[in-house]
């Protein structure tokens, strides 16, 4: 299972097509304020059997400075948008900017969300060669690893889908059944969870 965070939507049809090609289900962490005008994409995500997660409503620059009450209000605004369009309510949450502080921790607990984050940086801001980057990924991969990639790296401009295909083809296997890989590419964030994820999906899927 892969999770994607939608900051912008220009590549969503391409992403959905790639996931369909590899028969992989995903969780899309969406920003609420970007849903209006893109309802059809959110509906397609649901229709394709993917999970919809919460990545805040505003993704405000000063989100980390909000009070826990204001943070929770922001998250619930996002939930309302998803429910309005897709008829489901997110249970998974990815913090804006990947930062969790005491206020956000309180809001997450109060809202009953399950937070998702990363544990390993890929160093793709430093490594500019595709082969070296893949070698670095391969070397650092282990069950439970969570890798972060960035959406502003030029290597992804030439091969926007190569990381998705790489992980799907090489690591979405029994030997890495418990691996978790988080990838942020072209405004997308991909998280690979265990392939035996039926129970995970049952526990964390959006609720009607």
N, C-alpha and C. Protein backbone atom coordinates (compact mmCIF):
# COMPACT_ATOMS: atom_id res chain seq x y z
N UNK A 1 0.85 -1.18 0.00
CA UNK A 1 0.00 0.00 0.00
C UNK A 1 0.88 1.23 0.00
N UNK A 2 0.55 2.19 -0.81
CA UNK A 2 1.30 3.43 -0.90
C UNK A 2 0.43 4.57 -0.43
N UNK A 3 1.03 5.53 0.24
CA UNK A 3 0.27 6.70 0.65
C UNK A 3 0.82 7.93 -0.05
N UNK A 4 -0.05 8.78 -0.52
CA UNK A 4 0.36 9.97 -1.24
C UNK A 4 -0.27 11.19 -0.63
N UNK A 5 0.50 12.24 -0.55
CA UNK A 5 -0.01 13.49 -0.01
C UNK A 5 -0.20 14.49 -1.13
N UNK A 6 -1.41 14.98 -1.29
CA UNK A 6 -1.71 15.89 -2.39
C UNK A 6 -1.50 17.33 -1.94
N UNK A 7 -0.44 17.96 -2.42
CA UNK A 7 -0.27 19.40 -2.22
C UNK A 7 -0.80 20.12 -3.45
N UNK A 8 -0.51 19.58 -4.61
CA UNK A 8 -1.08 20.07 -5.86
C UNK A 8 -1.56 18.86 -6.63
N UNK A 9 -2.39 19.06 -7.62
CA UNK A 9 -3.09 17.93 -8.22
C UNK A 9 -2.70 17.66 -9.67
N UNK A 10 -1.70 18.35 -10.19
CA UNK A 10 -1.40 18.23 -11.62
C UNK A 10 -0.97 16.82 -12.02
N UNK A 11 -0.43 16.04 -11.10
CA UNK A 11 0.05 14.71 -11.44
C UNK A 11 -0.84 13.59 -10.92
N UNK A 12 -1.96 13.93 -10.34
CA UNK A 12 -2.80 12.89 -9.77
C UNK A 12 -3.29 11.85 -10.78
N UNK A 13 -3.76 12.23 -11.97
CA UNK A 13 -4.17 11.20 -12.94
C UNK A 13 -3.03 10.25 -13.27
N UNK A 14 -1.80 10.78 -13.39
CA UNK A 14 -0.63 9.95 -13.68
C UNK A 14 -0.36 8.99 -12.51
N UNK A 15 -0.46 9.51 -11.30
CA UNK A 15 -0.21 8.70 -10.11
C UNK A 15 -1.25 7.58 -10.01
N UNK A 16 -2.50 7.93 -10.20
CA UNK A 16 -3.57 6.93 -10.11
C UNK A 16 -3.38 5.84 -11.18
N UNK A 17 -2.93 6.25 -12.36
CA UNK A 17 -2.70 5.27 -13.43
C UNK A 17 -1.55 4.33 -13.07
N UNK A 18 -0.47 4.87 -12.50
CA UNK A 18 0.66 4.04 -12.10
C UNK A 18 0.25 3.04 -11.02
N UNK A 19 -0.53 3.50 -10.06
CA UNK A 19 -0.98 2.61 -9.00
C UNK A 19 -1.85 1.48 -9.57
N UNK A 20 -2.69 1.83 -10.54
CA UNK A 20 -3.54 0.83 -11.17
C UNK A 20 -2.69 -0.18 -11.94
N UNK A 21 -1.67 0.31 -12.62
CA UNK A 21 -0.78 -0.57 -13.38
C UNK A 21 -0.11 -1.60 -12.48
N UNK A 22 0.28 -1.18 -11.29
CA UNK A 22 1.00 -2.06 -10.37
C UNK A 22 0.06 -2.76 -9.39
N UNK A 23 -1.26 -2.54 -9.55
CA UNK A 23 -2.25 -3.17 -8.67
C UNK A 23 -1.95 -2.88 -7.21
N UNK A 24 -1.63 -1.62 -6.90
CA UNK A 24 -1.30 -1.21 -5.55
C UNK A 24 -2.35 -0.22 -5.05
N UNK A 25 -2.85 -0.45 -3.86
CA UNK A 25 -3.78 0.48 -3.24
C UNK A 25 -3.00 1.51 -2.45
N UNK A 26 -3.58 2.69 -2.28
CA UNK A 26 -2.86 3.79 -1.66
C UNK A 26 -3.71 4.54 -0.65
N UNK A 27 -3.02 5.35 0.14
CA UNK A 27 -3.70 6.33 0.97
C UNK A 27 -3.25 7.70 0.52
N UNK A 28 -4.18 8.56 0.18
CA UNK A 28 -3.88 9.91 -0.28
C UNK A 28 -4.18 10.90 0.84
N UNK A 29 -3.15 11.54 1.36
CA UNK A 29 -3.33 12.56 2.37
C UNK A 29 -3.58 13.90 1.65
N UNK A 30 -4.76 14.42 1.82
CA UNK A 30 -5.20 15.58 1.03
C UNK A 30 -5.29 16.86 1.88
N UNK A 31 -5.11 17.97 1.22
CA UNK A 31 -5.26 19.28 1.85
C UNK A 31 -6.65 19.81 1.50
N UNK A 32 -7.42 20.11 2.52
CA UNK A 32 -8.82 20.45 2.33
C UNK A 32 -9.09 21.63 1.41
N UNK A 33 -8.27 22.68 1.50
CA UNK A 33 -8.53 23.88 0.71
C UNK A 33 -8.32 23.64 -0.78
N UNK A 34 -7.65 22.55 -1.14
CA UNK A 34 -7.41 22.24 -2.55
C UNK A 34 -8.47 21.31 -3.14
N UNK A 35 -9.40 20.87 -2.31
CA UNK A 35 -10.44 19.97 -2.81
C UNK A 35 -11.44 20.68 -3.72
N UNK A 36 -11.96 21.88 -3.33
CA UNK A 36 -12.91 22.56 -4.23
C UNK A 36 -12.31 22.78 -5.62
N UNK A 37 -13.02 22.34 -6.63
CA UNK A 37 -12.53 22.42 -8.00
C UNK A 37 -11.85 21.15 -8.46
N UNK A 38 -11.52 20.28 -7.51
CA UNK A 38 -10.86 19.01 -7.83
C UNK A 38 -11.65 17.83 -7.27
N UNK A 39 -12.95 18.01 -7.12
CA UNK A 39 -13.79 16.97 -6.53
C UNK A 39 -13.72 15.66 -7.30
N UNK A 40 -13.61 15.75 -8.61
CA UNK A 40 -13.60 14.52 -9.42
C UNK A 40 -12.39 13.65 -9.12
N UNK A 41 -11.26 14.28 -8.80
CA UNK A 41 -10.05 13.52 -8.47
C UNK A 41 -10.24 12.80 -7.15
N UNK A 42 -10.80 13.49 -6.16
CA UNK A 42 -11.03 12.87 -4.87
C UNK A 42 -12.02 11.72 -5.00
N UNK A 43 -13.05 11.92 -5.80
CA UNK A 43 -14.02 10.86 -6.02
C UNK A 43 -13.39 9.66 -6.71
N UNK A 44 -12.47 9.92 -7.65
CA UNK A 44 -11.78 8.84 -8.35
C UNK A 44 -10.89 8.05 -7.39
N UNK A 45 -10.24 8.78 -6.47
CA UNK A 45 -9.40 8.12 -5.47
C UNK A 45 -10.24 7.12 -4.67
N UNK A 46 -11.41 7.56 -4.26
CA UNK A 46 -12.28 6.67 -3.49
C UNK A 46 -12.78 5.51 -4.35
N UNK A 47 -13.21 5.81 -5.58
CA UNK A 47 -13.74 4.77 -6.46
C UNK A 47 -12.69 3.71 -6.80
N UNK A 48 -11.41 4.12 -6.83
CA UNK A 48 -10.34 3.17 -7.13
C UNK A 48 -9.96 2.32 -5.92
N UNK A 49 -10.63 2.55 -4.80
CA UNK A 49 -10.39 1.73 -3.62
C UNK A 49 -9.27 2.19 -2.72
N UNK A 50 -8.83 3.44 -2.89
CA UNK A 50 -7.77 3.98 -2.04
C UNK A 50 -8.35 4.60 -0.78
N UNK A 51 -7.49 4.79 0.22
CA UNK A 51 -7.87 5.44 1.46
C UNK A 51 -7.58 6.93 1.35
N UNK A 52 -8.42 7.75 1.95
CA UNK A 52 -8.21 9.20 1.96
C UNK A 52 -7.80 9.62 3.37
N UNK A 53 -6.64 10.28 3.47
CA UNK A 53 -6.13 10.74 4.75
C UNK A 53 -6.20 12.26 4.87
N UNK A 54 -5.96 12.74 6.07
CA UNK A 54 -6.04 14.17 6.39
C UNK A 54 -4.64 14.77 6.44
N UNK A 55 -4.41 15.83 5.65
CA UNK A 55 -3.14 16.54 5.69
C UNK A 55 -3.38 18.01 6.06
N UNK A 56 -4.45 18.23 6.83
CA UNK A 56 -4.92 19.54 7.29
C UNK A 56 -5.79 20.20 6.23
N UNK A 57 -6.52 21.20 6.62
CA UNK A 57 -7.33 21.96 5.68
C UNK A 57 -6.50 23.06 5.03
N UNK A 58 -5.77 23.81 5.85
CA UNK A 58 -5.10 25.01 5.36
C UNK A 58 -3.65 24.80 4.92
N UNK A 59 -2.96 23.83 5.53
CA UNK A 59 -1.51 23.69 5.36
C UNK A 59 -0.86 25.05 5.54
N UNK A 60 -1.31 25.77 6.54
CA UNK A 60 -0.87 27.15 6.80
C UNK A 60 0.61 27.19 7.15
N UNK A 61 1.28 28.24 6.71
CA UNK A 61 2.71 28.41 6.99
C UNK A 61 2.99 28.39 8.48
N UNK A 62 2.06 28.96 9.26
CA UNK A 62 2.24 29.03 10.71
C UNK A 62 1.42 27.96 11.44
N UNK A 63 1.08 26.89 10.74
CA UNK A 63 0.26 25.85 11.36
C UNK A 63 0.86 25.35 12.67
N UNK A 64 2.18 25.20 12.71
CA UNK A 64 2.84 24.68 13.90
C UNK A 64 2.70 25.61 15.10
N UNK A 65 2.32 26.87 14.85
CA UNK A 65 2.16 27.84 15.93
C UNK A 65 0.72 27.94 16.42
N UNK A 66 -0.19 27.21 15.77
CA UNK A 66 -1.59 27.25 16.17
C UNK A 66 -1.76 26.64 17.56
N UNK A 67 -2.83 27.04 18.24
CA UNK A 67 -3.22 26.37 19.47
C UNK A 67 -3.76 24.98 19.12
N UNK A 68 -3.81 24.08 20.08
CA UNK A 68 -4.35 22.74 19.80
C UNK A 68 -5.79 22.83 19.35
N UNK A 69 -6.55 23.77 19.91
CA UNK A 69 -7.95 23.95 19.53
C UNK A 69 -8.07 24.37 18.07
N UNK A 70 -7.23 25.33 17.66
CA UNK A 70 -7.27 25.80 16.28
C UNK A 70 -6.79 24.72 15.32
N UNK A 71 -5.80 23.96 15.74
CA UNK A 71 -5.34 22.84 14.90
C UNK A 71 -6.45 21.84 14.67
N UNK A 72 -7.14 21.46 15.73
CA UNK A 72 -8.22 20.49 15.62
C UNK A 72 -9.35 21.01 14.74
N UNK A 73 -9.65 22.31 14.86
CA UNK A 73 -10.66 22.91 13.99
C UNK A 73 -10.24 22.81 12.53
N UNK A 74 -8.96 23.01 12.26
CA UNK A 74 -8.44 22.92 10.90
C UNK A 74 -8.57 21.50 10.37
N UNK A 75 -8.23 20.52 11.19
CA UNK A 75 -8.32 19.13 10.76
C UNK A 75 -9.77 18.73 10.50
N UNK A 76 -10.67 19.21 11.33
CA UNK A 76 -12.08 18.85 11.16
C UNK A 76 -12.69 19.53 9.94
N UNK A 77 -12.18 20.71 9.58
CA UNK A 77 -12.63 21.35 8.33
C UNK A 77 -12.25 20.47 7.14
N UNK A 78 -11.04 19.89 7.21
CA UNK A 78 -10.61 18.97 6.16
C UNK A 78 -11.52 17.75 6.11
N UNK A 79 -11.84 17.19 7.28
CA UNK A 79 -12.74 16.03 7.33
C UNK A 79 -14.08 16.35 6.68
N UNK A 80 -14.59 17.55 6.96
CA UNK A 80 -15.89 17.95 6.41
C UNK A 80 -15.85 18.02 4.89
N UNK A 81 -14.74 18.50 4.33
CA UNK A 81 -14.61 18.58 2.87
C UNK A 81 -14.61 17.18 2.25
N UNK A 82 -13.87 16.28 2.88
CA UNK A 82 -13.81 14.91 2.36
C UNK A 82 -15.18 14.25 2.45
N UNK A 83 -15.86 14.45 3.57
CA UNK A 83 -17.18 13.85 3.73
C UNK A 83 -18.17 14.44 2.74
N UNK A 84 -18.03 15.73 2.47
CA UNK A 84 -18.93 16.39 1.51
C UNK A 84 -18.78 15.80 0.12
N UNK A 85 -17.55 15.53 -0.27
CA UNK A 85 -17.27 15.10 -1.64
C UNK A 85 -17.30 13.58 -1.79
N UNK A 86 -16.70 12.89 -0.83
CA UNK A 86 -16.52 11.44 -0.97
C UNK A 86 -17.38 10.62 -0.02
N UNK A 87 -18.01 11.28 0.94
CA UNK A 87 -18.89 10.57 1.86
C UNK A 87 -18.17 9.73 2.90
N UNK A 88 -16.88 10.02 3.14
CA UNK A 88 -16.11 9.30 4.14
C UNK A 88 -15.37 10.30 5.03
N UNK A 89 -14.89 9.83 6.17
CA UNK A 89 -14.16 10.69 7.10
C UNK A 89 -12.78 10.11 7.37
N UNK A 90 -11.71 10.88 7.16
CA UNK A 90 -10.35 10.37 7.36
C UNK A 90 -10.07 9.99 8.81
N UNK A 91 -9.23 8.96 8.97
CA UNK A 91 -8.75 8.54 10.28
C UNK A 91 -7.24 8.71 10.40
N UNK A 92 -6.54 8.67 9.26
CA UNK A 92 -5.09 8.85 9.25
C UNK A 92 -4.77 10.33 9.05
N UNK A 93 -3.67 10.79 9.66
CA UNK A 93 -3.29 12.20 9.55
C UNK A 93 -1.78 12.32 9.36
N UNK A 94 -1.38 13.13 8.38
CA UNK A 94 0.03 13.46 8.20
C UNK A 94 0.22 14.94 8.49
N UNK A 95 1.07 15.29 9.47
CA UNK A 95 1.26 16.69 9.85
C UNK A 95 1.84 17.53 8.72
N UNK A 96 1.36 18.76 8.55
CA UNK A 96 1.99 19.68 7.61
C UNK A 96 3.46 19.85 7.99
N UNK A 97 4.34 19.81 7.02
CA UNK A 97 5.78 19.99 7.22
C UNK A 97 6.40 18.85 8.02
N UNK A 98 5.61 17.81 8.35
CA UNK A 98 6.15 16.66 9.05
C UNK A 98 6.51 16.89 10.50
N UNK A 99 6.02 17.98 11.08
CA UNK A 99 6.39 18.34 12.45
C UNK A 99 5.23 18.09 13.40
N UNK A 100 5.53 17.44 14.53
CA UNK A 100 4.53 17.25 15.57
C UNK A 100 5.04 17.87 16.86
N UNK A 101 4.27 18.81 17.41
CA UNK A 101 4.62 19.45 18.67
C UNK A 101 3.55 19.11 19.71
N UNK A 102 3.70 19.53 20.96
CA UNK A 102 2.70 19.19 21.99
C UNK A 102 1.27 19.60 21.64
N UNK A 103 1.09 20.77 21.03
CA UNK A 103 -0.25 21.21 20.65
C UNK A 103 -0.86 20.28 19.60
N UNK A 104 -0.05 19.92 18.61
CA UNK A 104 -0.56 19.05 17.55
C UNK A 104 -0.81 17.65 18.10
N UNK A 105 0.06 17.19 18.96
CA UNK A 105 -0.14 15.87 19.57
C UNK A 105 -1.47 15.82 20.31
N UNK A 106 -1.79 16.90 21.01
CA UNK A 106 -3.07 16.98 21.72
C UNK A 106 -4.24 16.97 20.75
N UNK A 107 -4.11 17.72 19.65
CA UNK A 107 -5.18 17.78 18.64
C UNK A 107 -5.37 16.41 17.98
N UNK A 108 -4.27 15.72 17.68
CA UNK A 108 -4.35 14.39 17.07
C UNK A 108 -5.08 13.43 17.99
N UNK A 109 -4.74 13.47 19.27
CA UNK A 109 -5.38 12.59 20.24
C UNK A 109 -6.85 12.93 20.40
N UNK A 110 -7.16 14.22 20.50
CA UNK A 110 -8.55 14.65 20.66
C UNK A 110 -9.40 14.27 19.46
N UNK A 111 -8.80 14.32 18.27
CA UNK A 111 -9.54 14.00 17.05
C UNK A 111 -9.59 12.53 16.75
N UNK A 112 -8.85 11.73 17.49
CA UNK A 112 -8.84 10.29 17.26
C UNK A 112 -8.13 9.87 15.99
N UNK A 113 -7.12 10.66 15.57
CA UNK A 113 -6.39 10.35 14.34
C UNK A 113 -5.18 9.45 14.63
N UNK A 114 -4.73 8.75 13.59
CA UNK A 114 -3.48 8.00 13.64
C UNK A 114 -2.45 8.78 12.84
N UNK A 115 -1.38 9.29 13.47
CA UNK A 115 -0.39 10.10 12.74
C UNK A 115 0.56 9.24 11.91
N UNK A 116 0.98 9.79 10.77
CA UNK A 116 1.91 9.12 9.86
C UNK A 116 3.09 10.06 9.61
N UNK A 117 4.31 9.54 9.70
CA UNK A 117 5.49 10.37 9.47
C UNK A 117 6.60 9.58 8.80
N UNK A 118 7.84 10.11 8.85
CA UNK A 118 8.98 9.42 8.24
C UNK A 118 10.11 9.29 9.26
N UNK A 119 11.08 8.41 8.95
CA UNK A 119 12.18 8.18 9.87
C UNK A 119 13.56 8.36 9.22
N UNK A 120 13.62 8.32 7.88
CA UNK A 120 14.91 8.38 7.20
C UNK A 120 14.84 9.37 6.03
N UNK A 121 15.85 10.23 5.94
CA UNK A 121 15.94 11.14 4.79
C UNK A 121 16.77 10.47 3.68
N UNK A 122 16.31 10.62 2.46
CA UNK A 122 16.99 9.97 1.33
C UNK A 122 18.25 10.71 0.89
N UNK A 123 18.39 11.95 1.33
CA UNK A 123 19.50 12.81 0.89
C UNK A 123 19.41 13.13 -0.60
N UNK A 124 18.19 13.14 -1.13
CA UNK A 124 18.04 13.44 -2.56
C UNK A 124 18.30 14.91 -2.88
N UNK A 125 18.41 15.74 -1.85
CA UNK A 125 18.79 17.14 -2.09
C UNK A 125 20.29 17.26 -2.36
N UNK A 126 21.02 16.21 -2.01
CA UNK A 126 22.48 16.20 -2.20
C UNK A 126 22.87 15.28 -3.36
N UNK A 127 22.26 14.10 -3.42
CA UNK A 127 22.58 13.12 -4.47
C UNK A 127 21.83 13.51 -5.75
N UNK A 128 22.56 13.79 -6.81
CA UNK A 128 21.95 14.26 -8.06
C UNK A 128 21.90 13.20 -9.15
N UNK A 129 22.58 12.08 -8.94
CA UNK A 129 22.62 11.01 -9.93
C UNK A 129 21.57 9.96 -9.59
N UNK A 130 20.77 9.59 -10.59
CA UNK A 130 19.68 8.63 -10.37
C UNK A 130 20.17 7.29 -9.85
N UNK A 131 21.26 6.78 -10.42
CA UNK A 131 21.78 5.48 -10.00
C UNK A 131 22.30 5.52 -8.57
N UNK A 132 22.97 6.61 -8.22
CA UNK A 132 23.49 6.74 -6.86
C UNK A 132 22.35 6.88 -5.85
N UNK A 133 21.30 7.57 -6.26
CA UNK A 133 20.15 7.72 -5.37
C UNK A 133 19.49 6.37 -5.11
N UNK A 134 19.30 5.58 -6.17
CA UNK A 134 18.69 4.28 -6.01
C UNK A 134 19.58 3.35 -5.17
N UNK A 135 20.90 3.49 -5.33
CA UNK A 135 21.83 2.69 -4.53
C UNK A 135 21.73 3.07 -3.06
N UNK A 136 21.57 4.37 -2.79
CA UNK A 136 21.42 4.85 -1.41
C UNK A 136 20.13 4.31 -0.81
N UNK A 137 19.06 4.31 -1.61
CA UNK A 137 17.77 3.80 -1.14
C UNK A 137 17.90 2.31 -0.82
N UNK A 138 18.52 1.58 -1.74
CA UNK A 138 18.67 0.13 -1.58
C UNK A 138 19.46 -0.20 -0.32
N UNK A 139 20.52 0.55 -0.09
CA UNK A 139 21.38 0.30 1.07
C UNK A 139 20.66 0.57 2.38
N UNK A 140 19.80 1.56 2.38
CA UNK A 140 19.15 1.95 3.62
C UNK A 140 17.82 1.27 3.89
N UNK A 141 17.36 0.47 2.92
CA UNK A 141 16.04 -0.15 3.08
C UNK A 141 16.07 -1.28 4.09
N UNK A 142 15.12 -1.27 5.00
CA UNK A 142 14.95 -2.36 5.96
C UNK A 142 13.51 -2.32 6.45
N UNK A 143 13.01 -3.43 6.95
CA UNK A 143 11.62 -3.46 7.43
C UNK A 143 11.37 -2.35 8.44
N UNK A 144 10.34 -1.56 8.18
CA UNK A 144 9.98 -0.47 9.07
C UNK A 144 10.60 0.87 8.68
N UNK A 145 11.50 0.89 7.68
CA UNK A 145 12.13 2.14 7.27
C UNK A 145 11.12 3.05 6.61
N UNK A 146 11.28 4.36 6.84
CA UNK A 146 10.41 5.35 6.23
C UNK A 146 11.32 6.39 5.58
N UNK A 147 11.30 6.45 4.25
CA UNK A 147 12.19 7.34 3.51
C UNK A 147 11.46 8.60 3.05
N UNK A 148 12.14 9.71 3.17
CA UNK A 148 11.61 10.99 2.70
C UNK A 148 12.33 11.44 1.43
N UNK A 149 11.56 11.80 0.40
CA UNK A 149 12.10 12.39 -0.81
C UNK A 149 11.42 13.74 -1.01
N UNK A 150 12.04 14.60 -1.79
CA UNK A 150 11.53 15.96 -1.98
C UNK A 150 11.02 16.19 -3.40
N UNK A 151 10.10 17.13 -3.51
CA UNK A 151 9.41 17.33 -4.80
C UNK A 151 10.07 18.36 -5.69
N UNK A 152 11.19 18.93 -5.26
CA UNK A 152 11.81 20.01 -6.03
C UNK A 152 13.11 19.58 -6.70
N UNK A 153 13.38 18.29 -6.71
CA UNK A 153 14.65 17.79 -7.24
C UNK A 153 14.52 17.54 -8.75
N UNK A 154 15.49 18.04 -9.52
CA UNK A 154 15.41 17.99 -10.98
C UNK A 154 15.39 16.57 -11.53
N UNK A 155 15.99 15.61 -10.81
CA UNK A 155 16.03 14.24 -11.30
C UNK A 155 14.64 13.69 -11.54
N UNK A 156 13.66 14.15 -10.76
CA UNK A 156 12.30 13.65 -10.91
C UNK A 156 11.56 14.30 -12.08
N UNK A 157 12.08 15.41 -12.57
CA UNK A 157 11.45 16.06 -13.72
C UNK A 157 11.55 15.19 -14.96
N UNK A 158 12.69 14.52 -15.11
CA UNK A 158 12.92 13.68 -16.29
C UNK A 158 12.26 12.31 -16.16
N UNK A 159 12.13 11.83 -14.91
CA UNK A 159 11.56 10.50 -14.68
C UNK A 159 10.58 10.57 -13.51
N UNK A 160 9.44 11.20 -13.71
CA UNK A 160 8.52 11.44 -12.60
C UNK A 160 7.99 10.19 -11.91
N UNK A 161 7.95 9.07 -12.62
CA UNK A 161 7.39 7.87 -12.02
C UNK A 161 8.40 6.80 -11.66
N UNK A 162 9.70 7.10 -11.81
CA UNK A 162 10.67 6.02 -11.68
C UNK A 162 10.77 5.49 -10.25
N UNK A 163 10.58 6.34 -9.26
CA UNK A 163 10.66 5.86 -7.89
C UNK A 163 9.49 4.95 -7.55
N UNK A 164 8.31 5.31 -8.03
CA UNK A 164 7.14 4.47 -7.78
C UNK A 164 7.35 3.09 -8.39
N UNK A 165 7.76 3.09 -9.66
CA UNK A 165 7.98 1.82 -10.34
C UNK A 165 9.11 1.02 -9.69
N UNK A 166 10.15 1.71 -9.26
CA UNK A 166 11.29 1.05 -8.64
C UNK A 166 10.87 0.30 -7.39
N UNK A 167 10.14 0.97 -6.50
CA UNK A 167 9.72 0.32 -5.27
C UNK A 167 8.70 -0.78 -5.53
N UNK A 168 7.77 -0.51 -6.43
CA UNK A 168 6.76 -1.53 -6.72
C UNK A 168 7.39 -2.78 -7.30
N UNK A 169 8.36 -2.60 -8.18
CA UNK A 169 8.96 -3.74 -8.88
C UNK A 169 9.97 -4.50 -8.03
N UNK A 170 10.67 -3.80 -7.13
CA UNK A 170 11.79 -4.43 -6.43
C UNK A 170 11.56 -4.71 -4.95
N UNK A 171 10.72 -3.90 -4.30
CA UNK A 171 10.63 -4.04 -2.85
C UNK A 171 9.26 -4.36 -2.32
N UNK A 172 8.27 -4.35 -3.17
CA UNK A 172 6.93 -4.69 -2.68
C UNK A 172 6.78 -6.20 -2.73
N UNK A 173 7.60 -6.87 -1.91
CA UNK A 173 7.69 -8.31 -1.94
C UNK A 173 7.60 -8.84 -0.51
N UNK A 174 7.49 -10.17 -0.39
CA UNK A 174 7.35 -10.78 0.93
C UNK A 174 8.52 -10.47 1.85
N UNK A 175 9.73 -10.40 1.29
CA UNK A 175 10.90 -10.17 2.12
C UNK A 175 10.87 -8.79 2.76
N UNK A 176 10.10 -7.87 2.18
CA UNK A 176 9.97 -6.54 2.75
C UNK A 176 8.50 -6.26 3.07
N UNK A 177 7.80 -7.30 3.48
CA UNK A 177 6.37 -7.18 3.70
C UNK A 177 6.03 -6.17 4.78
N UNK A 178 6.98 -5.93 5.70
CA UNK A 178 6.69 -4.98 6.77
C UNK A 178 7.39 -3.64 6.54
N UNK A 179 7.98 -3.47 5.36
CA UNK A 179 8.69 -2.23 5.09
C UNK A 179 7.74 -1.06 4.94
N UNK A 180 8.20 0.09 5.37
CA UNK A 180 7.44 1.32 5.20
C UNK A 180 8.36 2.34 4.56
N UNK A 181 7.98 2.85 3.41
CA UNK A 181 8.80 3.82 2.71
C UNK A 181 7.96 5.04 2.39
N UNK A 182 8.39 6.19 2.83
CA UNK A 182 7.67 7.42 2.58
C UNK A 182 8.42 8.22 1.52
N UNK A 183 7.74 8.60 0.45
CA UNK A 183 8.40 9.29 -0.65
C UNK A 183 7.64 10.56 -1.00
N UNK A 184 8.31 11.68 -1.01
CA UNK A 184 7.68 12.91 -1.47
C UNK A 184 8.31 13.30 -2.79
N UNK A 185 7.51 13.23 -3.85
CA UNK A 185 7.98 13.51 -5.20
C UNK A 185 6.91 14.29 -5.95
N UNK A 186 7.30 15.39 -6.55
CA UNK A 186 6.36 16.19 -7.34
C UNK A 186 5.07 16.45 -6.56
N UNK A 187 5.24 16.98 -5.35
CA UNK A 187 4.11 17.32 -4.51
C UNK A 187 3.33 16.10 -4.05
N UNK A 188 3.92 14.94 -4.17
CA UNK A 188 3.26 13.72 -3.71
C UNK A 188 4.09 13.10 -2.60
N UNK A 189 3.43 12.43 -1.69
CA UNK A 189 4.12 11.74 -0.61
C UNK A 189 3.69 10.29 -0.64
N UNK A 190 4.61 9.39 -0.86
CA UNK A 190 4.27 7.97 -0.98
C UNK A 190 4.80 7.20 0.21
N UNK A 191 3.93 6.40 0.81
CA UNK A 191 4.32 5.55 1.93
C UNK A 191 3.98 4.11 1.58
N UNK A 192 4.98 3.25 1.58
CA UNK A 192 4.73 1.84 1.32
C UNK A 192 4.58 1.11 2.64
N UNK A 193 3.41 0.55 2.89
CA UNK A 193 3.18 -0.24 4.09
C UNK A 193 3.27 -1.72 3.75
N UNK A 194 3.06 -2.56 4.76
CA UNK A 194 3.15 -3.99 4.56
C UNK A 194 2.15 -4.45 3.51
N UNK A 195 2.57 -5.41 2.70
CA UNK A 195 1.71 -5.91 1.64
C UNK A 195 0.55 -6.72 2.21
N UNK A 196 0.71 -7.25 3.42
CA UNK A 196 -0.37 -7.98 4.07
C UNK A 196 -1.18 -7.02 4.93
N UNK A 197 -1.69 -5.96 4.33
CA UNK A 197 -2.23 -4.82 5.07
C UNK A 197 -3.74 -4.84 5.25
N UNK A 198 -4.40 -5.98 5.07
CA UNK A 198 -5.86 -6.03 5.20
C UNK A 198 -6.31 -5.52 6.56
N UNK A 199 -5.63 -5.96 7.62
CA UNK A 199 -6.03 -5.55 8.96
C UNK A 199 -5.74 -4.06 9.17
N UNK A 200 -4.61 -3.59 8.62
CA UNK A 200 -4.28 -2.18 8.72
C UNK A 200 -5.34 -1.34 8.03
N UNK A 201 -5.74 -1.77 6.84
CA UNK A 201 -6.78 -1.05 6.10
C UNK A 201 -8.08 -1.06 6.88
N UNK A 202 -8.42 -2.20 7.46
CA UNK A 202 -9.67 -2.31 8.21
C UNK A 202 -9.68 -1.35 9.39
N UNK A 203 -8.51 -1.18 10.03
CA UNK A 203 -8.43 -0.35 11.22
C UNK A 203 -8.33 1.12 10.90
N UNK A 204 -7.76 1.47 9.74
CA UNK A 204 -7.44 2.86 9.47
C UNK A 204 -8.11 3.44 8.24
N UNK A 205 -8.93 2.68 7.56
CA UNK A 205 -9.63 3.19 6.39
C UNK A 205 -10.59 4.30 6.82
N UNK A 206 -10.88 5.17 5.88
CA UNK A 206 -11.85 6.22 6.14
C UNK A 206 -13.18 5.59 6.51
N UNK A 207 -13.92 6.25 7.37
CA UNK A 207 -15.18 5.70 7.85
C UNK A 207 -16.35 6.49 7.27
N UNK A 208 -17.46 5.80 7.03
CA UNK A 208 -18.65 6.44 6.50
C UNK A 208 -19.42 7.11 7.63
